[in-house]
């Protein structure tokens, strides 16, 4: 089977190659890219800097319409390269439009666009101006190359093809004058689909590029599918973890507000609407909010004591008493002091630990509740400000199990 006659084969790969040749896949992709990046950008680039409002959907629709129109014009030309009308339309669309539009924008650039805001609006304007020059020059060069190639192919074809009568005469003369050659004459290579070597090489390269595009598209599609599946799986896992943590929050806070320790520390009584009548007469707040406020205050208190211990050696861990509903040991305080000292060797505090920007993280897996307190620092190695914090970790029985510092805010971080 000859390479040019793949459409006669029943194998899947050859059917695919024939189909890709028919739709001229590689050429179509090149023309679509040209339609978008040369024709489209010459028209729609900097649309948001015009003196009148243009909705963001307009350039999107415009790019799609130009890509479609470019593909249709290319198909028509590829199917009938002798049609002068479609040849003229092709050159107007692909070359004349971007050249004319870009030149007009270059001439009226200052009147068309307003470059304000941003870090360097002047450089942005210069970049757009240069880009229009590049588009205009690219269109001119493309038009020149297109016509040179077209003329060369046309002349080469005229020289290669002889009139039918002349070929018939030569064939008859050859058979009559050289019978020995006439008997050994091979069938026309073109009829067997062989063609010339240069044509075969070009065709093979085109087929390879077509298959490469298909392969790349398949790989991209598989990548998107796998990425989507992984994303959705992780999202479902995250949602499950978040749901578990929310349930854990409800559980531990309910246990807390119903405990005797909490009643001794906080309650004067519970109202029918689920709020607490506070001792100081302040406005009633929901039960969970009140409990979390108490945890934030206790975490801040322990963080403050650790900071004082690190700065004043005369203050010992044994001097700290349990606060509110929680309990803490001297060992945890010592460990927290050491962690603070190690952390502040690189991150120098701008001020003391503050009861601000506090976050609470419930971890159903570890059965802990972590509460942060703000600790703004300077990163000496990077010479920049860091939104650091001190974190106090409670177990489900409200015993402090850990105190540490970190160079970022405390956030709900899932394991997936």
Protein backbone atom coordinates (compact mmCIF):
# COMPACT_ATOMS: atom_id res chain seq x y z
CA UNK A 1 0.00 0.00 0.00
CA UNK A 2 1.42 3.38 -0.95
CA UNK A 3 1.61 6.19 1.59
CA UNK A 4 -0.59 8.51 -0.43
CA UNK A 5 -3.40 6.01 -0.55
CA UNK A 6 -4.01 5.58 3.14
CA UNK A 7 -7.71 6.17 2.64
CA UNK A 8 -7.90 2.77 0.93
CA UNK A 9 -6.73 1.00 4.07
CA UNK A 10 -9.15 -0.20 6.66
CA UNK A 11 -6.81 0.21 9.62
CA UNK A 12 -7.83 2.73 12.22
CA UNK A 13 -4.59 4.72 12.09
CA UNK A 14 -4.80 5.11 8.33
CA UNK A 15 -8.45 6.13 8.52
CA UNK A 16 -7.48 8.72 11.12
CA UNK A 17 -4.61 10.02 8.96
CA UNK A 18 -6.92 10.34 5.96
CA UNK A 19 -9.51 12.19 8.04
CA UNK A 20 -6.92 14.58 9.45
CA UNK A 21 -5.68 15.29 5.94
CA UNK A 22 -9.21 15.99 4.82
CA UNK A 23 -9.82 18.58 7.54
CA UNK A 24 -6.23 19.88 7.26
CA UNK A 25 -5.87 19.80 11.03
CA UNK A 26 -2.41 21.33 11.33
CA UNK A 27 -3.20 24.14 8.92
CA UNK A 28 -6.54 24.73 10.63
CA UNK A 29 -4.90 25.07 14.04
CA UNK A 30 -2.32 27.51 12.67
CA UNK A 31 -5.04 29.62 11.07
CA UNK A 32 -7.18 29.62 14.21
CA UNK A 33 -4.18 30.78 16.26
CA UNK A 34 -3.48 33.51 13.71
CA UNK A 35 -7.15 34.57 13.80
CA UNK A 36 -7.05 34.92 17.57
CA UNK A 37 -3.59 36.33 18.25
CA UNK A 38 -3.08 38.50 15.17
CA UNK A 39 -6.52 39.44 13.86
CA UNK A 40 -8.33 39.23 17.21
CA UNK A 41 -5.76 41.04 19.33
CA UNK A 42 -5.39 43.79 16.74
CA UNK A 43 -9.09 44.51 17.26
CA UNK A 44 -9.77 43.73 20.93
CA UNK A 45 -6.49 44.37 22.75
CA UNK A 46 -6.89 47.12 25.39
CA UNK A 47 -10.66 47.19 24.95
CA UNK A 48 -10.95 48.12 28.64
CA UNK A 49 -8.89 51.27 28.08
CA UNK A 50 -11.22 52.82 25.51
CA UNK A 51 -12.99 56.09 26.40
CA UNK A 52 -16.32 54.24 26.49
CA UNK A 53 -17.43 51.12 28.38
CA UNK A 54 -17.13 47.73 26.69
CA UNK A 55 -18.45 44.66 28.49
CA UNK A 56 -15.89 41.90 29.05
CA UNK A 57 -18.08 39.40 27.17
CA UNK A 58 -17.68 41.37 23.91
CA UNK A 59 -14.03 40.41 23.23
CA UNK A 60 -14.73 36.79 24.20
CA UNK A 61 -17.55 36.56 21.66
CA UNK A 62 -15.41 38.46 19.18
CA UNK A 63 -12.49 36.04 19.47
CA UNK A 64 -14.82 33.08 18.97
CA UNK A 65 -16.43 34.65 15.91
CA UNK A 66 -13.06 35.55 14.36
CA UNK A 67 -11.67 32.05 14.97
CA UNK A 68 -14.77 30.53 13.35
CA UNK A 69 -14.68 32.91 10.38
CA UNK A 70 -10.96 32.30 9.93
CA UNK A 71 -11.44 28.53 9.89
CA UNK A 72 -14.26 28.75 7.33
CA UNK A 73 -12.24 31.01 5.02
CA UNK A 74 -9.24 28.69 5.33
CA UNK A 75 -11.33 25.61 4.49
CA UNK A 76 -12.76 27.30 1.42
CA UNK A 77 -9.33 28.34 0.20
CA UNK A 78 -7.83 24.94 0.92
CA UNK A 79 -10.55 23.24 -1.13
CA UNK A 80 -10.30 25.64 -4.07
CA UNK A 81 -7.05 27.57 -4.29
CA UNK A 82 -7.88 28.90 -7.77
CA UNK A 83 -10.95 30.81 -6.63
CA UNK A 84 -9.84 34.45 -6.85
CA UNK A 85 -12.74 35.62 -4.70
CA UNK A 86 -11.90 33.41 -1.73
CA UNK A 87 -8.19 34.14 -2.26
CA UNK A 88 -8.90 37.86 -1.95
CA UNK A 89 -11.16 37.30 1.08
CA UNK A 90 -8.44 35.23 2.73
CA UNK A 91 -5.83 37.95 2.34
CA UNK A 92 -8.20 40.69 3.49
CA UNK A 93 -9.16 38.77 6.63
CA UNK A 94 -5.77 37.41 7.63
CA UNK A 95 -3.51 40.26 6.55
CA UNK A 96 -5.29 43.46 5.56
CA UNK A 97 -7.55 43.74 8.62
CA UNK A 98 -4.80 43.41 11.27
CA UNK A 99 -2.48 45.69 9.27
CA UNK A 100 -5.07 48.45 8.78
CA UNK A 101 -6.47 48.23 12.31
CA UNK A 102 -3.02 48.24 13.90
CA UNK A 103 -1.83 51.19 11.79
CA UNK A 104 -4.94 53.18 12.67
CA UNK A 105 -4.45 52.43 16.37
CA UNK A 106 -0.81 53.50 16.13
CA UNK A 107 -1.82 56.80 14.52
CA UNK A 108 -4.67 57.58 16.93
CA UNK A 109 -3.17 55.80 19.95
CA UNK A 110 -3.29 58.75 22.37
CA UNK A 111 -6.90 59.56 21.46
CA UNK A 112 -8.13 55.96 21.63
CA UNK A 113 -6.70 54.71 24.91
CA UNK A 114 -6.25 55.96 28.44
CA UNK A 115 -3.54 54.35 30.56
CA UNK A 116 -4.04 55.25 34.19
CA UNK A 117 -3.37 53.48 37.46
CA UNK A 118 -1.06 50.55 37.99
CA UNK A 119 2.58 50.74 38.94
CA UNK A 120 3.97 51.91 35.58
CA UNK A 121 1.15 53.11 33.29
CA UNK A 122 3.69 54.67 30.91
CA UNK A 123 5.44 51.34 30.37
CA UNK A 124 2.08 49.63 29.86
CA UNK A 125 1.18 52.16 27.18
CA UNK A 126 4.57 51.71 25.51
CA UNK A 127 4.13 47.94 25.52
CA UNK A 128 0.73 48.20 23.81
CA UNK A 129 2.09 50.67 21.26
CA UNK A 130 5.00 48.37 20.38
CA UNK A 131 2.64 45.40 20.23
CA UNK A 132 0.50 47.09 17.55
CA UNK A 133 3.64 47.78 15.54
CA UNK A 134 4.60 44.11 15.83
CA UNK A 135 1.13 43.01 14.67
CA UNK A 136 1.24 45.36 11.66
CA UNK A 137 4.73 44.18 10.66
CA UNK A 138 3.76 40.52 11.19
CA UNK A 139 0.72 40.98 8.95
CA UNK A 140 2.83 42.59 6.21
CA UNK A 141 5.50 39.89 6.38
CA UNK A 142 2.86 37.15 6.39
CA UNK A 143 1.14 38.64 3.34
CA UNK A 144 4.42 38.92 1.42
CA UNK A 145 5.48 35.36 2.25
CA UNK A 146 2.01 34.01 1.39
CA UNK A 147 2.01 35.59 -2.06
CA UNK A 148 5.63 34.65 -2.81
CA UNK A 149 4.92 31.01 -1.95
CA UNK A 150 1.69 31.09 -3.94
CA UNK A 151 3.38 32.52 -7.06
CA UNK A 152 6.33 30.13 -6.83
CA UNK A 153 4.00 27.13 -6.53
CA UNK A 154 1.93 28.34 -9.45
CA UNK A 155 4.94 28.77 -11.75
CA UNK A 156 6.46 25.51 -10.67
CA UNK A 157 3.18 23.76 -11.42
CA UNK A 158 2.98 25.36 -14.86
CA UNK A 159 6.47 24.18 -15.71
CA UNK A 160 5.85 20.68 -14.40
CA UNK A 161 2.56 20.06 -16.18
CA UNK A 162 2.55 19.76 -19.95
CA UNK A 163 -0.48 19.95 -22.19
CA UNK A 164 -2.33 16.66 -22.47
CA UNK A 165 -1.79 16.50 -26.23
CA UNK A 166 1.98 16.90 -25.86
CA UNK A 167 2.16 14.13 -23.30
CA UNK A 168 0.11 11.81 -25.53
CA UNK A 169 2.34 12.56 -28.51
CA UNK A 170 5.51 11.94 -26.58
CA UNK A 171 4.08 8.72 -25.22
CA UNK A 172 3.15 7.47 -28.69
CA UNK A 173 6.52 8.39 -30.14
CA UNK A 174 8.32 6.66 -27.32
CA UNK A 175 6.34 3.50 -27.81
CA UNK A 176 6.86 3.51 -31.57
CA UNK A 177 10.53 4.40 -31.63
CA UNK A 178 11.69 2.49 -28.51
CA UNK A 179 9.68 -0.69 -28.23
CA UNK A 180 12.09 -2.14 -25.73
CA UNK A 181 11.47 0.76 -23.36
CA UNK A 182 7.77 0.70 -24.02
CA UNK A 183 7.53 -2.86 -22.82
CA UNK A 184 9.37 -2.08 -19.58
CA UNK A 185 7.62 1.20 -18.86
CA UNK A 186 6.32 1.33 -15.29
CA UNK A 187 2.90 2.72 -14.51
CA UNK A 188 2.74 6.41 -13.71
CA UNK A 189 3.99 6.96 -10.14
CA UNK A 190 1.26 9.48 -9.59
CA UNK A 191 -1.38 6.87 -10.34
CA UNK A 192 0.17 4.62 -7.74
CA UNK A 193 0.12 7.43 -5.24
CA UNK A 194 3.90 7.67 -5.02
CA UNK A 195 4.42 11.28 -6.09
CA UNK A 196 7.79 12.94 -5.83
CA UNK A 197 10.09 12.48 -2.88
CA UNK A 198 9.73 16.07 -1.70
CA UNK A 199 5.94 15.75 -1.77
CA UNK A 200 6.08 12.49 0.16
CA UNK A 201 8.31 14.02 2.83
CA UNK A 202 6.08 17.06 3.15
CA UNK A 203 3.01 14.84 3.43
CA UNK A 204 4.62 12.67 6.07
CA UNK A 205 5.64 15.72 8.09
CA UNK A 206 2.09 17.05 7.87
CA UNK A 207 0.67 13.70 8.97
CA UNK A 208 3.10 13.61 11.88
CA UNK A 209 2.08 17.11 12.96
CA UNK A 210 -1.60 16.21 12.66
CA UNK A 211 -1.12 13.14 14.82
CA UNK A 212 0.98 15.14 17.29
CA UNK A 213 -1.85 17.65 17.67
CA UNK A 214 -4.36 14.86 18.22
CA UNK A 215 -2.05 13.24 20.76
CA UNK A 216 -1.53 16.55 22.56
CA UNK A 217 -5.29 17.15 22.62
CA UNK A 218 -5.92 13.68 24.03
CA UNK A 219 -3.24 14.17 26.69
CA UNK A 220 -4.66 17.59 27.59
CA UNK A 221 -8.15 16.10 27.82
CA UNK A 222 -6.93 13.25 30.01
CA UNK A 223 -5.05 15.73 32.18
CA UNK A 224 -8.18 17.84 32.62
CA UNK A 225 -10.28 14.79 33.42
CA UNK A 226 -7.77 13.42 35.94
CA UNK A 227 -7.30 16.87 37.47
CA UNK A 228 -11.06 17.31 37.75
CA UNK A 229 -11.48 13.89 39.37
CA UNK A 230 -8.63 14.57 41.82
CA UNK A 231 -10.00 18.04 42.60
CA UNK A 232 -13.50 16.73 43.18
CA UNK A 233 -12.19 13.86 45.31
CA UNK A 234 -10.13 16.21 47.44
CA UNK A 235 -13.02 18.63 47.64
CA UNK A 236 -15.31 15.88 48.86
CA UNK A 237 -12.70 14.80 51.39
CA UNK A 238 -12.28 18.40 52.52
CA UNK A 239 -16.00 18.83 52.86
CA UNK A 240 -16.11 15.66 54.92
CA UNK A 241 -13.32 16.93 57.17
CA UNK A 242 -15.01 20.32 57.52
CA UNK A 243 -18.28 18.63 58.38
CA UNK A 244 -16.53 16.47 60.98
CA UNK A 245 -14.81 19.52 62.46
CA UNK A 246 -18.13 21.40 62.61
CA UNK A 247 -19.72 18.46 64.39
CA UNK A 248 -16.77 18.32 66.76
CA UNK A 249 -17.17 22.04 67.48
CA UNK A 250 -20.81 21.52 68.35
CA UNK A 251 -19.97 18.54 70.52
CA UNK A 252 -17.11 20.07 72.55
CA UNK A 253 -18.78 23.45 73.03
CA UNK A 254 -22.01 21.79 74.11
CA UNK A 255 -20.08 19.67 76.59
CA UNK A 256 -18.27 22.79 77.77
CA UNK A 257 -21.27 25.02 78.41
CA UNK A 258 -23.06 22.19 80.20
CA UNK A 259 -20.11 21.45 82.50
CA UNK A 260 -19.87 22.48 86.13
CA UNK A 261 -16.58 24.28 85.51
CA UNK A 262 -18.20 26.49 82.95
CA UNK A 263 -21.18 27.16 85.18
CA UNK A 264 -18.89 28.26 88.00
CA UNK A 265 -16.82 30.46 85.70
CA UNK A 266 -19.54 32.05 83.58
CA UNK A 267 -23.19 31.47 84.31
CA UNK A 268 -25.78 33.44 86.14
CA UNK A 269 -28.44 31.51 84.27
CA UNK A 270 -29.61 30.59 80.78
CA UNK A 271 -32.39 32.51 79.08
CA UNK A 272 -35.14 30.90 77.06
CA UNK A 273 -33.68 32.26 73.83
CA UNK A 274 -30.40 30.37 74.41
CA UNK A 275 -28.31 33.28 75.65
CA UNK A 276 -26.38 33.93 78.86
CA UNK A 277 -27.12 36.65 81.36
CA UNK A 278 -23.59 37.90 82.02
CA UNK A 279 -22.44 39.12 85.43
CA UNK A 280 -21.28 42.50 84.21
CA UNK A 281 -24.66 43.32 82.72
CA UNK A 282 -23.43 43.46 79.10
CA UNK A 283 -25.74 42.51 76.28
CA UNK A 284 -26.55 38.81 76.13
CA UNK A 285 -24.71 36.75 73.50
CA UNK A 286 -25.29 33.26 72.04
CA UNK A 287 -23.92 30.40 74.12
CA UNK A 288 -21.31 29.18 71.61
CA UNK A 289 -20.02 32.70 70.95
CA UNK A 290 -19.65 33.26 74.68
CA UNK A 291 -17.79 29.97 75.11
CA UNK A 292 -15.41 30.75 72.23
CA UNK A 293 -14.76 34.20 73.64
CA UNK A 294 -13.80 32.56 76.93
CA UNK A 295 -11.41 30.20 75.11
CA UNK A 296 -9.81 33.12 73.27
CA UNK A 297 -9.28 34.96 76.55
CA UNK A 298 -7.76 31.93 78.26
CA UNK A 299 -5.47 31.22 75.29
CA UNK A 300 -4.31 34.84 75.29
CA UNK A 301 -3.66 34.66 79.04
CA UNK A 302 -1.43 31.60 78.70
CA UNK A 303 0.37 33.11 75.68
CA UNK A 304 1.01 36.30 77.62
CA UNK A 305 2.41 34.35 80.56
CA UNK A 306 4.75 32.39 78.28
CA UNK A 307 5.99 35.65 76.75
CA UNK A 308 6.64 37.10 80.22
CA UNK A 309 8.50 33.92 81.26
CA UNK A 310 10.76 34.19 78.21
CA UNK A 311 11.60 37.82 79.00
CA UNK A 312 11.90 37.56 82.78
CA UNK A 313 13.76 34.57 84.20
CA UNK A 314 12.50 35.33 87.71
CA UNK A 315 9.01 34.25 86.69
CA UNK A 316 8.58 30.50 86.88
CA UNK A 317 6.06 28.16 85.28
CA UNK A 318 4.82 27.19 88.71
CA UNK A 319 3.63 30.77 89.24
CA UNK A 320 0.90 30.32 86.62
CA UNK A 321 -2.46 29.09 87.83
CA UNK A 322 -5.25 27.48 85.88
CA UNK A 323 -7.48 30.02 84.15
CA UNK A 324 -11.23 29.77 83.71
CA UNK A 325 -12.38 26.38 82.50
CA UNK A 326 -8.96 25.09 81.36
CA UNK A 327 -5.96 23.50 83.04
CA UNK A 328 -2.27 23.78 82.25
CA UNK A 329 0.92 22.13 83.54
CA UNK A 330 4.35 23.60 84.21
CA UNK A 331 5.87 21.30 81.60
CA UNK A 332 3.65 22.72 78.85
CA UNK A 333 4.51 26.27 79.92
CA UNK A 334 8.25 25.50 79.84
CA UNK A 335 7.91 23.92 76.42
CA UNK A 336 5.97 26.99 75.24
CA UNK A 337 8.66 29.32 76.57
CA UNK A 338 11.40 27.40 74.73
CA UNK A 339 9.35 27.46 71.53
CA UNK A 340 8.86 31.23 71.90
CA UNK A 341 12.58 31.86 72.44
CA UNK A 342 13.56 29.74 69.44
CA UNK A 343 10.94 31.44 67.26
CA UNK A 344 11.95 34.98 68.21
CA UNK A 345 15.59 34.39 67.28
CA UNK A 346 14.55 34.86 63.66
CA UNK A 347 11.21 36.63 64.03
CA UNK A 348 11.64 39.67 66.27
CA UNK A 349 8.34 40.78 67.85
CA UNK A 350 7.27 44.34 67.07
CA UNK A 351 5.18 44.36 70.24
CA UNK A 352 3.75 41.97 72.75
CA UNK A 353 1.28 39.18 72.12
CA UNK A 354 -2.20 40.68 71.65
CA UNK A 355 -5.76 39.48 72.02
CA UNK A 356 -6.45 40.42 68.39
CA UNK A 357 -6.94 38.56 65.13
CA UNK A 358 -7.70 35.40 67.02
CA UNK A 359 -8.75 32.26 65.20
CA UNK A 360 -10.07 28.96 66.49
CA UNK A 361 -9.48 25.65 64.72
CA UNK A 362 -11.38 22.50 65.70
CA UNK A 363 -9.70 19.22 64.75
CA UNK A 364 -11.99 16.22 65.02
CA UNK A 365 -9.19 13.83 64.06
CA UNK A 366 -6.79 14.94 66.82
CA UNK A 367 -9.60 15.85 69.24
CA UNK A 368 -8.10 19.27 69.85
CA UNK A 369 -9.09 22.94 69.77
CA UNK A 370 -6.37 25.42 68.77
CA UNK A 371 -6.66 29.13 69.56
CA UNK A 372 -4.27 31.80 68.29
CA UNK A 373 -3.25 35.25 69.56
CA UNK A 374 -1.65 37.89 67.34
CA UNK A 375 2.13 38.35 67.47
CA UNK A 376 3.42 40.73 64.79
CA UNK A 377 7.10 40.15 64.03
CA UNK A 378 9.92 41.25 61.75
CA UNK A 379 11.61 38.50 59.74
CA UNK A 380 15.28 39.45 60.07
CA UNK A 381 16.42 37.21 57.21
CA UNK A 382 13.88 38.65 54.76
CA UNK A 383 13.59 42.10 56.38
CA UNK A 384 9.79 42.10 56.23
CA UNK A 385 6.79 42.10 58.54
CA UNK A 386 5.22 38.72 59.38
CA UNK A 387 1.67 38.15 60.62
CA UNK A 388 2.77 35.63 63.22
CA UNK A 389 0.80 34.27 66.16
CA UNK A 390 1.05 32.17 69.31
CA UNK A 391 -1.13 29.09 69.38
CA UNK A 392 -2.54 27.37 72.46
CA UNK A 393 -3.85 23.84 71.95
CA UNK A 394 -6.59 22.38 74.19
CA UNK A 395 -7.66 18.75 74.29
CA UNK A 396 -11.34 17.76 74.56
CA UNK A 397 -11.12 18.01 78.37
CA UNK A 398 -9.78 21.61 78.05
CA UNK A 399 -6.31 20.75 79.22
CA UNK A 400 -3.57 22.70 77.42
CA UNK A 401 -1.35 20.22 75.58
CA UNK A 402 0.87 22.54 73.52
CA UNK A 403 1.91 26.17 73.07
CA UNK A 404 3.89 27.21 70.00
CA UNK A 405 4.49 30.09 67.58
CA UNK A 406 4.12 30.17 63.79
CA UNK A 407 4.93 32.74 61.10
CA UNK A 408 1.39 32.91 59.66
CA UNK A 409 -2.15 33.18 60.85
CA UNK A 410 -3.86 30.11 62.25
CA UNK A 411 -6.16 28.66 59.62
CA UNK A 412 -8.23 25.55 59.13
CA UNK A 413 -5.83 23.33 57.16
CA UNK A 414 -7.18 20.04 55.91
CA UNK A 415 -5.01 17.01 55.33
CA UNK A 416 -6.25 16.50 51.74
